[in-house]
C-alpha atoms as a PDB file:
ATOM      1  CA  UNK A   1       6.227 -34.079  74.951  1.00  0.00           C
ATOM      2  CA  UNK A   2       2.922 -34.860  76.242  1.00  0.00           C
ATOM      3  CA  UNK A   3       2.596 -37.700  78.711  1.00  0.00           C
ATOM      4  CA  UNK A   4       0.177 -40.220  77.831  1.00  0.00           C
ATOM      5  CA  UNK A   5      -1.158 -42.642  80.816  1.00  0.00           C
ATOM      6  CA  UNK A   6      -2.959 -45.871  79.736  1.00  0.00           C
ATOM      7  CA  UNK A   7      -4.335 -46.910  76.436  1.00  0.00           C
ATOM      8  CA  UNK A   8      -5.139 -44.735  73.714  1.00  0.00           C
ATOM      9  CA  UNK A   9      -9.079 -43.618  73.005  1.00  0.00           C
ATOM     10  CA  UNK A  10      -8.975 -44.846  69.495  1.00  0.00           C
ATOM     11  CA  UNK A  11      -7.463 -47.529  67.539  1.00  0.00           C
ATOM     12  CA  UNK A  12      -5.103 -46.182  64.985  1.00  0.00           C
ATOM     13  CA  UNK A  13      -5.331 -47.644  61.671  1.00  0.00           C
ATOM     14  CA  UNK A  14      -2.047 -49.086  60.575  1.00  0.00           C
ATOM     15  CA  UNK A  15      -0.547 -49.484  57.222  1.00  0.00           C
ATOM     16  CA  UNK A  16      -0.879 -53.437  56.063  1.00  0.00           C
ATOM     17  CA  UNK A  17       0.944 -54.943  53.083  1.00  0.00           C
ATOM     18  CA  UNK A  18       0.531 -58.751  51.708  1.00  0.00           C
ATOM     19  CA  UNK A  19       2.998 -61.178  52.959  1.00  0.00           C
ATOM     20  CA  UNK A  20       5.442 -61.407  50.303  1.00  0.00           C
ATOM     21  CA  UNK A  21       6.194 -65.069  51.804  1.00  0.00           C
ATOM     22  CA  UNK A  22       2.418 -66.300  50.779  1.00  0.00           C
ATOM     23  CA  UNK A  23       1.528 -63.471  48.607  1.00  0.00           C
ATOM     24  CA  UNK A  24      -1.701 -62.665  50.944  1.00  0.00           C
ATOM     25  CA  UNK A  25      -3.503 -66.046  50.369  1.00  0.00           C
ATOM     26  CA  UNK A  26      -2.266 -66.788  54.309  1.00  0.00           C
ATOM     27  CA  UNK A  27      -1.046 -70.685  53.384  1.00  0.00           C
ATOM     28  CA  UNK A  28       2.101 -71.847  51.835  1.00  0.00           C
ATOM     29  CA  UNK A  29       2.596 -74.790  49.281  1.00  0.00           C
ATOM     30  CA  UNK A  30       3.753 -77.594  50.816  1.00  0.00           C
ATOM     31  CA  UNK A  31       4.815 -81.161  49.858  1.00  0.00           C
ATOM     32  CA  UNK A  32       1.684 -82.878  49.734  1.00  0.00           C
ATOM     33  CA  UNK A  33      -0.624 -80.104  51.197  1.00  0.00           C
ATOM     34  CA  UNK A  34      -1.311 -76.184  51.976  1.00  0.00           C
ATOM     35  CA  UNK A  35       0.516 -75.172  55.635  1.00  0.00           C
ATOM     36  CA  UNK A  36      -0.486 -71.938  57.387  1.00  0.00           C
ATOM     37  CA  UNK A  37       2.113 -69.135  56.436  1.00  0.00           C
ATOM     38  CA  UNK A  38       4.029 -68.593  59.921  1.00  0.00           C
ATOM     39  CA  UNK A  39       5.226 -65.352  58.569  1.00  0.00           C
ATOM     40  CA  UNK A  40       2.151 -63.715  59.150  1.00  0.00           C
ATOM     41  CA  UNK A  41       0.410 -66.006  61.399  1.00  0.00           C
ATOM     42  CA  UNK A  42      -1.824 -67.355  58.476  1.00  0.00           C
ATOM     43  CA  UNK A  43      -3.835 -63.654  57.785  1.00  0.00           C
ATOM     44  CA  UNK A  44      -1.898 -62.733  54.756  1.00  0.00           C
ATOM     45  CA  UNK A  45      -0.737 -59.321  56.339  1.00  0.00           C
ATOM     46  CA  UNK A  46       2.153 -57.904  57.913  1.00  0.00           C
ATOM     47  CA  UNK A  47       2.830 -54.512  59.069  1.00  0.00           C
ATOM     48  CA  UNK A  48       4.154 -52.243  55.914  1.00  0.00           C
ATOM     49  CA  UNK A  49       6.531 -50.191  58.233  1.00  0.00           C
ATOM     50  CA  UNK A  50       8.347 -53.064  59.605  1.00  0.00           C
ATOM     51  CA  UNK A  51       7.453 -56.012  57.306  1.00  0.00           C
ATOM     52  CA  UNK A  52       6.779 -57.931  60.633  1.00  0.00           C
ATOM     53  CA  UNK A  53       4.188 -59.992  61.384  1.00  0.00           C
ATOM     54  CA  UNK A  54       1.456 -58.353  63.819  1.00  0.00           C
ATOM     55  CA  UNK A  55       0.124 -59.892  67.118  1.00  0.00           C
ATOM     56  CA  UNK A  56      -3.361 -61.767  67.263  1.00  0.00           C
ATOM     57  CA  UNK A  57      -4.924 -59.151  69.027  1.00  0.00           C
ATOM     58  CA  UNK A  58      -3.960 -56.312  67.025  1.00  0.00           C
ATOM     59  CA  UNK A  59      -4.398 -58.143  63.696  1.00  0.00           C
ATOM     60  CA  UNK A  60      -8.178 -58.966  64.607  1.00  0.00           C
ATOM     61  CA  UNK A  61      -8.552 -54.742  65.421  1.00  0.00           C
ATOM     62  CA  UNK A  62      -6.898 -54.143  62.292  1.00  0.00           C
ATOM     63  CA  UNK A  63      -8.562 -56.307  59.833  1.00  0.00           C
ATOM     64  CA  UNK A  64     -12.098 -55.446  61.916  1.00  0.00           C
ATOM     65  CA  UNK A  65     -11.179 -51.764  61.084  1.00  0.00           C
ATOM     66  CA  UNK A  66     -10.498 -51.936  57.449  1.00  0.00           C
ATOM     67  CA  UNK A  67     -13.769 -54.306  56.801  1.00  0.00           C
ATOM     68  CA  UNK A  68     -15.978 -51.886  58.462  1.00  0.00           C
ATOM     69  CA  UNK A  69     -14.950 -49.723  56.002  1.00  0.00           C
ATOM     70  CA  UNK A  70     -15.188 -51.687  53.182  1.00  0.00           C
ATOM     71  CA  UNK A  71     -18.590 -52.687  54.275  1.00  0.00           C
ATOM     72  CA  UNK A  72     -19.620 -48.634  54.844  1.00  0.00           C
ATOM     73  CA  UNK A  73     -18.043 -47.861  51.163  1.00  0.00           C
ATOM     74  CA  UNK A  74     -20.359 -50.641  49.848  1.00  0.00           C
ATOM     75  CA  UNK A  75     -23.076 -49.488  51.627  1.00  0.00           C
ATOM     76  CA  UNK A  76     -22.581 -46.017  50.024  1.00  0.00           C
ATOM     77  CA  UNK A  77     -22.157 -47.222  46.277  1.00  0.00           C
ATOM     78  CA  UNK A  78     -25.415 -49.453  47.158  1.00  0.00           C
ATOM     79  CA  UNK A  79     -27.901 -46.722  48.175  1.00  0.00           C
ATOM     80  CA  UNK A  80     -26.637 -44.183  45.377  1.00  0.00           C
ATOM     81  CA  UNK A  81     -25.827 -41.466  47.518  1.00  0.00           C
ATOM     82  CA  UNK A  82     -22.407 -41.081  45.145  1.00  0.00           C
ATOM     83  CA  UNK A  83     -24.424 -40.484  42.308  1.00  0.00           C
ATOM     84  CA  UNK A  84     -24.446 -36.668  40.915  1.00  0.00           C
ATOM     85  CA  UNK A  85     -25.462 -34.425  38.403  1.00  0.00           C
ATOM     86  CA  UNK A  86     -27.711 -34.954  35.732  1.00  0.00           C
ATOM     87  CA  UNK A  87     -27.959 -38.999  36.153  1.00  0.00           C
ATOM     88  CA  UNK A  88     -29.227 -38.204  39.857  1.00  0.00           C
ATOM     89  CA  UNK A  89     -32.315 -36.641  38.468  1.00  0.00           C
ATOM     90  CA  UNK A  90     -33.279 -39.576  36.436  1.00  0.00           C
ATOM     91  CA  UNK A  91     -32.734 -42.323  39.320  1.00  0.00           C
ATOM     92  CA  UNK A  92     -35.019 -40.681  42.029  1.00  0.00           C
ATOM     93  CA  UNK A  93     -38.647 -39.877  41.730  1.00  0.00           C
ATOM     94  CA  UNK A  94     -38.770 -35.816  42.620  1.00  0.00           C
ATOM     95  CA  UNK A  95     -43.054 -36.138  42.454  1.00  0.00           C
ATOM     96  CA  UNK A  96     -43.194 -33.133  40.509  1.00  0.00           C
ATOM     97  CA  UNK A  97     -44.931 -34.583  37.270  1.00  0.00           C
ATOM     98  CA  UNK A  98     -48.587 -35.367  36.931  1.00  0.00           C
ATOM     99  CA  UNK A  99     -50.093 -37.648  39.499  1.00  0.00           C
ATOM    100  CA  UNK A 100     -47.021 -37.331  41.822  1.00  0.00           C
ATOM    101  CA  UNK A 101     -44.738 -38.996  38.798  1.00  0.00           C
ATOM    102  CA  UNK A 102     -40.990 -38.180  38.100  1.00  0.00           C
ATOM    103  CA  UNK A 103     -40.682 -34.959  36.076  1.00  0.00           C
ATOM    104  CA  UNK A 104     -37.204 -34.365  34.252  1.00  0.00           C
ATOM    105  CA  UNK A 105     -37.958 -31.528  32.406  1.00  0.00           C
ATOM    106  CA  UNK A 106     -37.287 -33.202  28.745  1.00  0.00           C
END
């Protein structure tokens, strides 16, 4: 086993699960108003392996990692880089037609 000194170079992404108490809403129904869920530190997420709430420092890091991945996926979908096949030919101008217009070969 290799010895490690100091913190890890990269933050590892942990598996998160929705809190079973608040069902991911971060609040529970009180008698008169909603209360912050104490099971998940009012985040709606718990550690999937242990079922325990994460410390706030780790929770913020894990949610940031997930948000960055979701933002990257949204940008890929917006740019259309995932489009392939015949549909991609119709969406982008290849400047092969008359006057630099799009030529599809139809």
